[in-house]
Amino acid sequence: MNNSDLLNEIDWCHLSNIVYAYDTNCLKTYVEQRGKMLFYSTPERERTIEDYSVLPVSVTISISSFIKSLPAFQSLSRMIQNYLFTNNLRRLIFVNIHELNQSCFSEPWQVNNDEILIN
């Protein structure tokens, strides 16, 4: 069985758009937000618990950005959008937090910070 037997061209287009929106609005936003919120560790300044406490905010901003970028979400009324956010955002955060954190492990600044912490 090949992929064309399971999904038609329109379905593949929708999936492609969702993946693109996730990459550009969720992952990219998260990496940028995380880079701004987590200061580099230096001998003068160690990381504090406050540095880590802002990470959930970054995840929330990233996932919200992704959801808001989807045409299907934009086509919903404001009341339904608010309902979906209120009832599903926490679940989406837990599902995506590992994926988002994995996206930062290869960032040069993250590698540098990890090496500083190890030494």
PDB file of N, CA and C in Angstrom:
ATOM      1  N   MET A   1       0.845  -1.168   0.000  1.00  0.00           N
ATOM      2  CA  MET A   1       0.000   0.000   0.000  1.00  0.00           C
ATOM      3  C   MET A   1       0.895   1.238   0.000  1.00  0.00           C
ATOM      4  N   ASN A   2       0.604   2.191  -0.844  1.00  0.00           N
ATOM      5  CA  ASN A   2       1.402   3.412  -0.835  1.00  0.00           C
ATOM      6  C   ASN A   2       0.586   4.551  -0.229  1.00  0.00           C
ATOM      7  N   ASN A   3       1.241   5.665  -0.001  1.00  0.00           N
ATOM      8  CA  ASN A   3       0.604   6.797   0.674  1.00  0.00           C
ATOM      9  C   ASN A   3      -0.587   7.364  -0.077  1.00  0.00           C
ATOM     10  N   SER A   4      -0.574   7.290  -1.384  1.00  0.00           N
ATOM     11  CA  SER A   4      -1.692   7.843  -2.148  1.00  0.00           C
ATOM     12  C   SER A   4      -2.972   7.035  -1.944  1.00  0.00           C
ATOM     13  N   ASP A   5      -2.847   5.779  -1.484  1.00  0.00           N
ATOM     14  CA  ASP A   5      -4.033   4.984  -1.205  1.00  0.00           C
ATOM     15  C   ASP A   5      -4.726   5.442   0.078  1.00  0.00           C
ATOM     16  N   LEU A   6      -3.968   6.053   0.985  1.00  0.00           N
ATOM     17  CA  LEU A   6      -4.520   6.454   2.273  1.00  0.00           C
ATOM     18  C   LEU A   6      -5.072   7.871   2.278  1.00  0.00           C
ATOM     19  N   LEU A   7      -4.373   8.770   1.626  1.00  0.00           N
ATOM     20  CA  LEU A   7      -4.771  10.180   1.616  1.00  0.00           C
ATOM     21  C   LEU A   7      -4.803  10.703   0.190  1.00  0.00           C
ATOM     22  N   ASN A   8      -5.754  11.580  -0.065  1.00  0.00           N
ATOM     23  CA  ASN A   8      -5.785  12.180  -1.394  1.00  0.00           C
ATOM     24  C   ASN A   8      -4.895  13.432  -1.400  1.00  0.00           C
ATOM     25  N   GLU A   9      -4.800  14.049  -2.543  1.00  0.00           N
ATOM     26  CA  GLU A   9      -3.901  15.198  -2.715  1.00  0.00           C
ATOM     27  C   GLU A   9      -4.263  16.370  -1.803  1.00  0.00           C
ATOM     28  N   ILE A  10      -5.530  16.602  -1.617  1.00  0.00           N
ATOM     29  CA  ILE A  10      -5.976  17.706  -0.753  1.00  0.00           C
ATOM     30  C   ILE A  10      -5.582  17.441   0.701  1.00  0.00           C
ATOM     31  N   ASP A  11      -5.731  16.176   1.127  1.00  0.00           N
ATOM     32  CA  ASP A  11      -5.334  15.826   2.493  1.00  0.00           C
ATOM     33  C   ASP A  11      -3.836  16.030   2.699  1.00  0.00           C
ATOM     34  N   TRP A  12      -3.026  15.634   1.714  1.00  0.00           N
ATOM     35  CA  TRP A  12      -1.578  15.833   1.805  1.00  0.00           C
ATOM     36  C   TRP A  12      -1.240  17.314   1.853  1.00  0.00           C
ATOM     37  N   CYS A  13      -1.978  18.099   1.113  1.00  0.00           N
ATOM     38  CA  CYS A  13      -1.771  19.549   1.128  1.00  0.00           C
ATOM     39  C   CYS A  13      -2.069  20.114   2.517  1.00  0.00           C
ATOM     40  N   HIS A  14      -3.180  19.683   3.120  1.00  0.00           N
ATOM     41  CA  HIS A  14      -3.525  20.144   4.466  1.00  0.00           C
ATOM     42  C   HIS A  14      -2.456  19.730   5.477  1.00  0.00           C
ATOM     43  N   LEU A  15      -2.002  18.485   5.405  1.00  0.00           N
ATOM     44  CA  LEU A  15      -0.953  18.021   6.322  1.00  0.00           C
ATOM     45  C   LEU A  15       0.343  18.798   6.129  1.00  0.00           C
ATOM     46  N   SER A  16       0.687  19.054   4.897  1.00  0.00           N
ATOM     47  CA  SER A  16       1.885  19.834   4.601  1.00  0.00           C
ATOM     48  C   SER A  16       1.783  21.236   5.180  1.00  0.00           C
ATOM     49  N   ASN A  17       0.629  21.848   5.059  1.00  0.00           N
ATOM     50  CA  ASN A  17       0.417  23.185   5.619  1.00  0.00           C
ATOM     51  C   ASN A  17       0.507  23.181   7.146  1.00  0.00           C
ATOM     52  N   ILE A  18      -0.014  22.144   7.767  1.00  0.00           N
ATOM     53  CA  ILE A  18       0.046  22.038   9.230  1.00  0.00           C
ATOM     54  C   ILE A  18       1.491  21.876   9.690  1.00  0.00           C
ATOM     55  N   VAL A  19       2.239  21.019   9.019  1.00  0.00           N
ATOM     56  CA  VAL A  19       3.657  20.820   9.383  1.00  0.00           C
ATOM     57  C   VAL A  19       4.436  22.113   9.192  1.00  0.00           C
ATOM     58  N   TYR A  20       4.192  22.797   8.084  1.00  0.00           N
ATOM     59  CA  TYR A  20       4.870  24.068   7.832  1.00  0.00           C
ATOM     60  C   TYR A  20       4.514  25.091   8.913  1.00  0.00           C
ATOM     61  N   ALA A  21       3.238  25.184   9.265  1.00  0.00           N
ATOM     62  CA  ALA A  21       2.810  26.121  10.308  1.00  0.00           C
ATOM     63  C   ALA A  21       3.444  25.776  11.649  1.00  0.00           C
ATOM     64  N   TYR A  22       3.552  24.488  11.954  1.00  0.00           N
ATOM     65  CA  TYR A  22       4.182  24.065  13.219  1.00  0.00           C
ATOM     66  C   TYR A  22       5.658  24.457  13.232  1.00  0.00           C
ATOM     67  N   ASP A  23       6.339  24.177  12.122  1.00  0.00           N
ATOM     68  CA  ASP A  23       7.764  24.509  12.054  1.00  0.00           C
ATOM     69  C   ASP A  23       8.014  26.003  12.139  1.00  0.00           C
ATOM     70  N   THR A  24       7.224  26.789  11.424  1.00  0.00           N
ATOM     71  CA  THR A  24       7.494  28.228  11.365  1.00  0.00           C
ATOM     72  C   THR A  24       6.886  29.002  12.517  1.00  0.00           C
ATOM     73  N   ASN A  25       5.759  28.556  13.043  1.00  0.00           N
ATOM     74  CA  ASN A  25       5.100  29.317  14.095  1.00  0.00           C
ATOM     75  C   ASN A  25       5.320  28.759  15.487  1.00  0.00           C
ATOM     76  N   CYS A  26       5.507  27.481  15.608  1.00  0.00           N
ATOM     77  CA  CYS A  26       5.683  26.895  16.935  1.00  0.00           C
ATOM     78  C   CYS A  26       7.160  26.703  17.247  1.00  0.00           C
ATOM     79  N   LEU A  27       7.842  25.895  16.463  1.00  0.00           N
ATOM     80  CA  LEU A  27       9.253  25.624  16.746  1.00  0.00           C
ATOM     81  C   LEU A  27      10.107  26.888  16.653  1.00  0.00           C
ATOM     82  N   LYS A  28       9.944  27.644  15.602  1.00  0.00           N
ATOM     83  CA  LYS A  28      10.753  28.851  15.414  1.00  0.00           C
ATOM     84  C   LYS A  28      10.475  29.858  16.529  1.00  0.00           C
ATOM     85  N   THR A  29       9.210  30.055  16.858  1.00  0.00           N
ATOM     86  CA  THR A  29       8.845  30.984  17.929  1.00  0.00           C
ATOM     87  C   THR A  29       9.424  30.521  19.254  1.00  0.00           C
ATOM     88  N   TYR A  30       9.349  29.218  19.518  1.00  0.00           N
ATOM     89  CA  TYR A  30       9.868  28.688  20.779  1.00  0.00           C
ATOM     90  C   TYR A  30      11.377  28.909  20.892  1.00  0.00           C
ATOM     91  N   VAL A  31      12.099  28.588  19.840  1.00  0.00           N
ATOM     92  CA  VAL A  31      13.557  28.769  19.868  1.00  0.00           C
ATOM     93  C   VAL A  31      13.901  30.243  20.088  1.00  0.00           C
ATOM     94  N   GLU A  32      13.193  31.134  19.402  1.00  0.00           N
ATOM     95  CA  GLU A  32      13.448  32.567  19.571  1.00  0.00           C
ATOM     96  C   GLU A  32      13.093  33.030  20.981  1.00  0.00           C
ATOM     97  N   GLN A  33      11.934  32.617  21.483  1.00  0.00           N
ATOM     98  CA  GLN A  33      11.518  33.012  22.832  1.00  0.00           C
ATOM     99  C   GLN A  33      12.466  32.455  23.894  1.00  0.00           C
ATOM    100  N   ARG A  34      12.847  31.215  23.722  1.00  0.00           N
ATOM    101  CA  ARG A  34      13.744  30.582  24.694  1.00  0.00           C
ATOM    102  C   ARG A  34      15.092  31.278  24.699  1.00  0.00           C
ATOM    103  N   GLY A  35      15.577  31.650  23.525  1.00  0.00           N
ATOM    104  CA  GLY A  35      16.840  32.361  23.446  1.00  0.00           C
ATOM    105  C   GLY A  35      16.792  33.713  24.126  1.00  0.00           C
ATOM    106  N   LYS A  36      15.651  34.386  24.048  1.00  0.00           N
ATOM    107  CA  LYS A  36      15.493  35.691  24.700  1.00  0.00           C
ATOM    108  C   LYS A  36      15.319  35.551  26.204  1.00  0.00           C
ATOM    109  N   MET A  37      14.612  34.501  26.622  1.00  0.00           N
ATOM    110  CA  MET A  37      14.269  34.376  28.036  1.00  0.00           C
ATOM    111  C   MET A  37      15.364  33.755  28.881  1.00  0.00           C
ATOM    112  N   LEU A  38      16.084  32.819  28.320  1.00  0.00           N
ATOM    113  CA  LEU A  38      17.168  32.198  29.076  1.00  0.00           C
ATOM    114  C   LEU A  38      18.450  32.962  28.809  1.00  0.00           C
ATOM    115  N   PHE A  39      18.962  33.572  29.823  1.00  0.00           N
ATOM    116  CA  PHE A  39      20.208  34.302  29.662  1.00  0.00           C
ATOM    117  C   PHE A  39      21.361  33.320  29.624  1.00  0.00           C
ATOM    118  N   TYR A  40      22.421  33.715  28.978  1.00  0.00           N
ATOM    119  CA  TYR A  40      23.594  32.868  28.926  1.00  0.00           C
ATOM    120  C   TYR A  40      24.221  32.811  30.304  1.00  0.00           C
ATOM    121  N   SER A  41      24.677  31.627  30.678  1.00  0.00           N
ATOM    122  CA  SER A  41      25.402  31.490  31.937  1.00  0.00           C
ATOM    123  C   SER A  41      26.800  32.027  31.738  1.00  0.00           C
ATOM    124  N   THR A  42      27.205  32.841  32.635  1.00  0.00           N
ATOM    125  CA  THR A  42      28.555  33.380  32.607  1.00  0.00           C
ATOM    126  C   THR A  42      29.113  33.282  34.013  1.00  0.00           C
ATOM    127  N   PRO A  43      30.420  33.445  34.173  1.00  0.00           N
ATOM    128  CA  PRO A  43      30.965  33.424  35.537  1.00  0.00           C
ATOM    129  C   PRO A  43      30.336  34.503  36.423  1.00  0.00           C
ATOM    130  N   GLU A  44      29.928  35.626  35.824  1.00  0.00           N
ATOM    131  CA  GLU A  44      29.332  36.704  36.601  1.00  0.00           C
ATOM    132  C   GLU A  44      27.873  36.435  36.959  1.00  0.00           C
ATOM    133  N   ARG A  45      27.210  35.640  36.135  1.00  0.00           N
ATOM    134  CA  ARG A  45      25.789  35.416  36.355  1.00  0.00           C
ATOM    135  C   ARG A  45      25.428  33.956  36.124  1.00  0.00           C
ATOM    136  N   GLU A  46      25.005  33.300  37.166  1.00  0.00           N
ATOM    137  CA  GLU A  46      24.548  31.920  37.045  1.00  0.00           C
ATOM    138  C   GLU A  46      23.060  31.927  36.702  1.00  0.00           C
ATOM    139  N   ARG A  47      22.598  30.844  36.135  1.00  0.00           N
ATOM    140  CA  ARG A  47      21.165  30.716  35.879  1.00  0.00           C
ATOM    141  C   ARG A  47      20.430  30.655  37.210  1.00  0.00           C
ATOM    142  N   THR A  48      19.272  31.244  37.222  1.00  0.00           N
ATOM    143  CA  THR A  48      18.450  31.221  38.431  1.00  0.00           C
ATOM    144  C   THR A  48      17.166  30.466  38.140  1.00  0.00           C
ATOM    145  N   ILE A  49      16.423  30.205  39.194  1.00  0.00           N
ATOM    146  CA  ILE A  49      15.149  29.509  39.022  1.00  0.00           C
ATOM    147  C   ILE A  49      14.187  30.352  38.188  1.00  0.00           C
ATOM    148  N   GLU A  50      14.324  31.677  38.241  1.00  0.00           N
ATOM    149  CA  GLU A  50      13.475  32.554  37.437  1.00  0.00           C
ATOM    150  C   GLU A  50      13.710  32.329  35.941  1.00  0.00           C
ATOM    151  N   ASP A  51      14.960  32.030  35.568  1.00  0.00           N
ATOM    152  CA  ASP A  51      15.255  31.763  34.164  1.00  0.00           C
ATOM    153  C   ASP A  51      14.460  30.566  33.657  1.00  0.00           C
ATOM    154  N   TYR A  52      14.354  29.550  34.498  1.00  0.00           N
ATOM    155  CA  TYR A  52      13.636  28.348  34.091  1.00  0.00           C
ATOM    156  C   TYR A  52      12.122  28.500  34.227  1.00  0.00           C
ATOM    157  N   SER A  53      11.685  29.366  35.105  1.00  0.00           N
ATOM    158  CA  SER A  53      10.245  29.518  35.303  1.00  0.00           C
ATOM    159  C   SER A  53       9.560  30.193  34.121  1.00  0.00           C
ATOM    160  N   VAL A  54      10.321  30.878  33.262  1.00  0.00           N
ATOM    161  CA  VAL A  54       9.710  31.537  32.111  1.00  0.00           C
ATOM    162  C   VAL A  54       9.518  30.588  30.927  1.00  0.00           C
ATOM    163  N   LEU A  55      10.082  29.395  30.996  1.00  0.00           N
ATOM    164  CA  LEU A  55       9.939  28.446  29.889  1.00  0.00           C
ATOM    165  C   LEU A  55       8.490  28.060  29.605  1.00  0.00           C
ATOM    166  N   PRO A  56       7.651  27.827  30.614  1.00  0.00           N
ATOM    167  CA  PRO A  56       6.240  27.530  30.284  1.00  0.00           C
ATOM    168  C   PRO A  56       5.558  28.664  29.528  1.00  0.00           C
ATOM    169  N   VAL A  57       5.930  29.892  29.814  1.00  0.00           N
ATOM    170  CA  VAL A  57       5.377  31.032  29.082  1.00  0.00           C
ATOM    171  C   VAL A  57       5.789  30.933  27.619  1.00  0.00           C
ATOM    172  N   SER A  58       7.030  30.586  27.376  1.00  0.00           N
ATOM    173  CA  SER A  58       7.533  30.448  26.016  1.00  0.00           C
ATOM    174  C   SER A  58       6.801  29.335  25.261  1.00  0.00           C
ATOM    175  N   VAL A  59       6.554  28.225  25.935  1.00  0.00           N
ATOM    176  CA  VAL A  59       5.811  27.121  25.316  1.00  0.00           C
ATOM    177  C   VAL A  59       4.398  27.567  24.976  1.00  0.00           C
ATOM    178  N   THR A  60       3.763  28.265  25.880  1.00  0.00           N
ATOM    179  CA  THR A  60       2.400  28.739  25.661  1.00  0.00           C
ATOM    180  C   THR A  60       2.335  29.699  24.477  1.00  0.00           C
ATOM    181  N   ILE A  61       3.273  30.620  24.401  1.00  0.00           N
ATOM    182  CA  ILE A  61       3.318  31.568  23.291  1.00  0.00           C
ATOM    183  C   ILE A  61       3.509  30.833  21.969  1.00  0.00           C
ATOM    184  N   SER A  62       4.394  29.854  21.957  1.00  0.00           N
ATOM    185  CA  SER A  62       4.700  29.110  20.735  1.00  0.00           C
ATOM    186  C   SER A  62       3.508  28.299  20.244  1.00  0.00           C
ATOM    187  N   ILE A  63       2.874  27.578  21.141  1.00  0.00           N
ATOM    188  CA  ILE A  63       1.732  26.755  20.749  1.00  0.00           C
ATOM    189  C   ILE A  63       0.557  27.637  20.328  1.00  0.00           C
ATOM    190  N   SER A  64       0.346  28.725  21.040  1.00  0.00           N
ATOM    191  CA  SER A  64      -0.721  29.664  20.666  1.00  0.00           C
ATOM    192  C   SER A  64      -0.478  30.240  19.275  1.00  0.00           C
ATOM    193  N   SER A  65       0.771  30.579  19.001  1.00  0.00           N
ATOM    194  CA  SER A  65       1.130  31.115  17.694  1.00  0.00           C
ATOM    195  C   SER A  65       0.825  30.110  16.589  1.00  0.00           C
ATOM    196  N   PHE A  66       1.151  28.852  16.834  1.00  0.00           N
ATOM    197  CA  PHE A  66       0.879  27.795  15.866  1.00  0.00           C
ATOM    198  C   PHE A  66      -0.621  27.645  15.618  1.00  0.00           C
ATOM    199  N   ILE A  67      -1.381  27.545  16.693  1.00  0.00           N
ATOM    200  CA  ILE A  67      -2.819  27.341  16.556  1.00  0.00           C
ATOM    201  C   ILE A  67      -3.472  28.511  15.824  1.00  0.00           C
ATOM    202  N   LYS A  68      -3.082  29.716  16.191  1.00  0.00           N
ATOM    203  CA  LYS A  68      -3.671  30.905  15.568  1.00  0.00           C
ATOM    204  C   LYS A  68      -3.323  31.017  14.089  1.00  0.00           C
ATOM    205  N   SER A  69      -2.247  30.375  13.663  1.00  0.00           N
ATOM    206  CA  SER A  69      -1.841  30.456  12.258  1.00  0.00           C
ATOM    207  C   SER A  69      -2.622  29.505  11.355  1.00  0.00           C
ATOM    208  N   LEU A  70      -3.337  28.563  11.934  1.00  0.00           N
ATOM    209  CA  LEU A  70      -4.077  27.582  11.141  1.00  0.00           C
ATOM    210  C   LEU A  70      -5.349  28.191  10.560  1.00  0.00           C
ATOM    211  N   PRO A  71      -5.543  28.094   9.255  1.00  0.00           N
ATOM    212  CA  PRO A  71      -6.760  28.645   8.633  1.00  0.00           C
ATOM    213  C   PRO A  71      -8.045  28.074   9.226  1.00  0.00           C
ATOM    214  N   ALA A  72      -8.052  26.795   9.562  1.00  0.00           N
ATOM    215  CA  ALA A  72      -9.260  26.187  10.130  1.00  0.00           C
ATOM    216  C   ALA A  72      -9.614  26.836  11.460  1.00  0.00           C
ATOM    217  N   PHE A  73      -8.603  27.173  12.261  1.00  0.00           N
ATOM    218  CA  PHE A  73      -8.849  27.836  13.542  1.00  0.00           C
ATOM    219  C   PHE A  73      -9.341  29.262  13.322  1.00  0.00           C
ATOM    220  N   GLN A  74      -8.744  29.938  12.359  1.00  0.00           N
ATOM    221  CA  GLN A  74      -9.135  31.316  12.067  1.00  0.00           C
ATOM    222  C   GLN A  74     -10.575  31.412  11.572  1.00  0.00           C
ATOM    223  N   SER A  75     -11.061  30.349  10.963  1.00  0.00           N
ATOM    224  CA  SER A  75     -12.424  30.373  10.426  1.00  0.00           C
ATOM    225  C   SER A  75     -13.493  30.206  11.508  1.00  0.00           C
ATOM    226  N   LEU A  76     -13.074  29.860  12.725  1.00  0.00           N
ATOM    227  CA  LEU A  76     -14.024  29.679  13.823  1.00  0.00           C
ATOM    228  C   LEU A  76     -14.393  31.020  14.447  1.00  0.00           C
ATOM    229  N   SER A  77     -15.538  31.053  15.075  1.00  0.00           N
ATOM    230  CA  SER A  77     -15.947  32.276  15.773  1.00  0.00           C
ATOM    231  C   SER A  77     -15.015  32.503  16.961  1.00  0.00           C
ATOM    232  N   ARG A  78     -14.941  33.736  17.415  1.00  0.00           N
ATOM    233  CA  ARG A  78     -14.072  34.095  18.543  1.00  0.00           C
ATOM    234  C   ARG A  78     -14.464  33.307  19.791  1.00  0.00           C
ATOM    235  N   MET A  79     -15.754  33.077  19.992  1.00  0.00           N
ATOM    236  CA  MET A  79     -16.234  32.333  21.151  1.00  0.00           C
ATOM    237  C   MET A  79     -15.727  30.885  21.116  1.00  0.00           C
ATOM    238  N   ILE A  80     -15.778  30.255  19.970  1.00  0.00           N
ATOM    239  CA  ILE A  80     -15.301  28.872  19.848  1.00  0.00           C
ATOM    240  C   ILE A  80     -13.779  28.827  19.985  1.00  0.00           C
ATOM    241  N   GLN A  81     -13.077  29.804  19.419  1.00  0.00           N
ATOM    242  CA  GLN A  81     -11.622  29.867  19.581  1.00  0.00           C
ATOM    243  C   GLN A  81     -11.259  29.937  21.063  1.00  0.00           C
ATOM    244  N   ASN A  82     -11.919  30.826  21.803  1.00  0.00           N
ATOM    245  CA  ASN A  82     -11.646  30.954  23.236  1.00  0.00           C
ATOM    246  C   ASN A  82     -11.955  29.664  23.978  1.00  0.00           C
ATOM    247  N   TYR A  83     -13.047  29.012  23.617  1.00  0.00           N
ATOM    248  CA  TYR A  83     -13.414  27.746  24.246  1.00  0.00           C
ATOM    249  C   TYR A  83     -12.328  26.692  24.001  1.00  0.00           C
ATOM    250  N   LEU A  84     -11.876  26.594  22.765  1.00  0.00           N
ATOM    251  CA  LEU A  84     -10.837  25.612  22.437  1.00  0.00           C
ATOM    252  C   LEU A  84      -9.539  25.889  23.188  1.00  0.00           C
ATOM    253  N   PHE A  85      -9.141  27.155  23.265  1.00  0.00           N
ATOM    254  CA  PHE A  85      -7.942  27.494  24.026  1.00  0.00           C
ATOM    255  C   PHE A  85      -8.103  27.149  25.498  1.00  0.00           C
ATOM    256  N   THR A  86      -9.224  27.546  26.064  1.00  0.00           N
ATOM    257  CA  THR A  86      -9.475  27.321  27.487  1.00  0.00           C
ATOM    258  C   THR A  86      -9.440  25.844  27.839  1.00  0.00           C
ATOM    259  N   ASN A  87      -9.986  25.003  26.991  1.00  0.00           N
ATOM    260  CA  ASN A  87     -10.127  23.588  27.313  1.00  0.00           C
ATOM    261  C   ASN A  87      -9.024  22.685  26.776  1.00  0.00           C
ATOM    262  N   ASN A  88      -8.162  23.205  25.905  1.00  0.00           N
ATOM    263  CA  ASN A  88      -7.180  22.317  25.283  1.00  0.00           C
ATOM    264  C   ASN A  88      -5.733  22.785  25.370  1.00  0.00           C
ATOM    265  N   LEU A  89      -5.488  24.043  25.690  1.00  0.00           N
ATOM    266  CA  LEU A  89      -4.125  24.554  25.656  1.00  0.00           C
ATOM    267  C   LEU A  89      -3.204  23.808  26.625  1.00  0.00           C
ATOM    268  N   ARG A  90      -3.678  23.537  27.822  1.00  0.00           N
ATOM    269  CA  ARG A  90      -2.848  22.818  28.803  1.00  0.00           C
ATOM    270  C   ARG A  90      -2.445  21.441  28.276  1.00  0.00           C
ATOM    271  N   ARG A  91      -3.382  20.734  27.682  1.00  0.00           N
ATOM    272  CA  ARG A  91      -3.072  19.413  27.121  1.00  0.00           C
ATOM    273  C   ARG A  91      -2.050  19.523  25.987  1.00  0.00           C
ATOM    274  N   LEU A  92      -2.216  20.530  25.141  1.00  0.00           N
ATOM    275  CA  LEU A  92      -1.276  20.722  24.035  1.00  0.00           C
ATOM    276  C   LEU A  92       0.120  21.063  24.532  1.00  0.00           C
ATOM    277  N   ILE A  93       0.197  21.801  25.612  1.00  0.00           N
ATOM    278  CA  ILE A  93       1.507  22.140  26.185  1.00  0.00           C
ATOM    279  C   ILE A  93       2.210  20.871  26.628  1.00  0.00           C
ATOM    280  N   PHE A  94       1.519  20.029  27.376  1.00  0.00           N
ATOM    281  CA  PHE A  94       2.144  18.802  27.863  1.00  0.00           C
ATOM    282  C   PHE A  94       2.566  17.881  26.725  1.00  0.00           C
ATOM    283  N   VAL A  95       1.768  17.817  25.689  1.00  0.00           N
ATOM    284  CA  VAL A  95       2.092  16.958  24.553  1.00  0.00           C
ATOM    285  C   VAL A  95       3.303  17.485  23.788  1.00  0.00           C
ATOM    286  N   ASN A  96       3.438  18.798  23.678  1.00  0.00           N
ATOM    287  CA  ASN A  96       4.478  19.395  22.837  1.00  0.00           C
ATOM    288  C   ASN A  96       5.745  19.826  23.555  1.00  0.00           C
ATOM    289  N   ILE A  97       5.757  19.868  24.860  1.00  0.00           N
ATOM    290  CA  ILE A  97       6.902  20.429  25.568  1.00  0.00           C
ATOM    291  C   ILE A  97       8.191  19.643  25.290  1.00  0.00           C
ATOM    292  N   HIS A  98       8.111  18.333  25.230  1.00  0.00           N
ATOM    293  CA  HIS A  98       9.305  17.539  24.942  1.00  0.00           C
ATOM    294  C   HIS A  98       9.819  17.817  23.534  1.00  0.00           C
ATOM    295  N   GLU A  99       8.923  17.838  22.569  1.00  0.00           N
ATOM    296  CA  GLU A  99       9.308  18.123  21.183  1.00  0.00           C
ATOM    297  C   GLU A  99       9.963  19.493  21.069  1.00  0.00           C
ATOM    298  N   LEU A 100       9.392  20.474  21.725  1.00  0.00           N
ATOM    299  CA  LEU A 100       9.943  21.822  21.661  1.00  0.00           C
ATOM    300  C   LEU A 100      11.316  21.902  22.317  1.00  0.00           C
ATOM    301  N   ASN A 101      11.473  21.250  23.451  1.00  0.00           N
ATOM    302  CA  ASN A 101      12.784  21.261  24.105  1.00  0.00           C
ATOM    303  C   ASN A 101      13.831  20.542  23.271  1.00  0.00           C
ATOM    304  N   GLN A 102      13.447  19.492  22.589  1.00  0.00           N
ATOM    305  CA  GLN A 102      14.382  18.779  21.722  1.00  0.00           C
ATOM    306  C   GLN A 102      14.892  19.678  20.601  1.00  0.00           C
ATOM    307  N   SER A 103      14.068  20.603  20.154  1.00  0.00           N
ATOM    308  CA  SER A 103      14.459  21.476  19.050  1.00  0.00           C
ATOM    309  C   SER A 103      15.596  22.413  19.427  1.00  0.00           C
ATOM    310  N   CYS A 104      15.831  22.612  20.706  1.00  0.00           N
ATOM    311  CA  CYS A 104      16.867  23.558  21.154  1.00  0.00           C
ATOM    312  C   CYS A 104      18.199  22.891  21.456  1.00  0.00           C
ATOM    313  N   PHE A 105      18.232  21.587  21.562  1.00  0.00           N
ATOM    314  CA  PHE A 105      19.460  20.940  21.975  1.00  0.00           C
ATOM    315  C   PHE A 105      20.609  21.137  21.010  1.00  0.00           C
ATOM    316  N   SER A 106      20.327  21.391  19.751  1.00  0.00           N
ATOM    317  CA  SER A 106      21.398  21.561  18.773  1.00  0.00           C
ATOM    318  C   SER A 106      21.700  23.028  18.485  1.00  0.00           C
ATOM    319  N   GLU A 107      21.004  23.939  19.137  1.00  0.00           N
ATOM    320  CA  GLU A 107      21.287  25.354  18.938  1.00  0.00           C
ATOM    321  C   GLU A 107      22.676  25.668  19.492  1.00  0.00           C
ATOM    322  N   PRO A 108      23.479  26.459  18.760  1.00  0.00           N
ATOM    323  CA  PRO A 108      24.843  26.765  19.228  1.00  0.00           C
ATOM    324  C   PRO A 108      24.887  27.363  20.631  1.00  0.00           C
ATOM    325  N   TRP A 109      23.979  28.278  20.935  1.00  0.00           N
ATOM    326  CA  TRP A 109      23.987  28.874  22.274  1.00  0.00           C
ATOM    327  C   TRP A 109      23.633  27.854  23.340  1.00  0.00           C
ATOM    328  N   GLN A 110      22.781  26.881  23.004  1.00  0.00           N
ATOM    329  CA  GLN A 110      22.411  25.851  23.965  1.00  0.00           C
ATOM    330  C   GLN A 110      23.593  24.916  24.212  1.00  0.00           C
ATOM    331  N   VAL A 111      24.285  24.534  23.151  1.00  0.00           N
ATOM    332  CA  VAL A 111      25.468  23.681  23.292  1.00  0.00           C
ATOM    333  C   VAL A 111      26.505  24.385  24.155  1.00  0.00           C
ATOM    334  N   ASN A 112      26.715  25.679  23.903  1.00  0.00           N
ATOM    335  CA  ASN A 112      27.676  26.456  24.682  1.00  0.00           C
ATOM    336  C   ASN A 112      27.280  26.502  26.157  1.00  0.00           C
ATOM    337  N   ASN A 113      26.009  26.764  26.433  1.00  0.00           N
ATOM    338  CA  ASN A 113      25.547  26.790  27.825  1.00  0.00           C
ATOM    339  C   ASN A 113      25.686  25.441  28.501  1.00  0.00           C
ATOM    340  N   ASP A 114      25.368  24.371  27.781  1.00  0.00           N
ATOM    341  CA  ASP A 114      25.494  23.035  28.347  1.00  0.00           C
ATOM    342  C   ASP A 114      26.954  22.718  28.674  1.00  0.00           C
ATOM    343  N   GLU A 115      27.866  23.115  27.807  1.00  0.00           N
ATOM    344  CA  GLU A 115      29.294  22.884  28.071  1.00  0.00           C
ATOM    345  C   GLU A 115      29.759  23.667  29.280  1.00  0.00           C
ATOM    346  N   ILE A 116      29.271  24.885  29.444  1.00  0.00           N
ATOM    347  CA  ILE A 116      29.629  25.693  30.617  1.00  0.00           C
ATOM    348  C   ILE A 116      29.130  25.020  31.885  1.00  0.00           C
ATOM    349  N   LEU A 117      27.898  24.508  31.858  1.00  0.00           N
ATOM    350  CA  LEU A 117      27.342  23.882  33.031  1.00  0.00           C
ATOM    351  C   LEU A 117      28.069  22.587  33.400  1.00  0.00           C
ATOM    352  N   ILE A 118      28.541  21.865  32.399  1.00  0.00           N
ATOM    353  CA  ILE A 118      29.254  20.613  32.646  1.00  0.00           C
ATOM    354  C   ILE A 118      30.619  20.881  33.276  1.00  0.00           C
ATOM    355  N   ASN A 119      31.286  21.914  32.806  1.00  0.00           N
ATOM    356  CA  ASN A 119      32.639  22.233  33.305  1.00  0.00           C
ATOM    357  C   ASN A 119      32.599  22.966  34.570  1.00  0.00           C
TER     358      ASN A 119
END
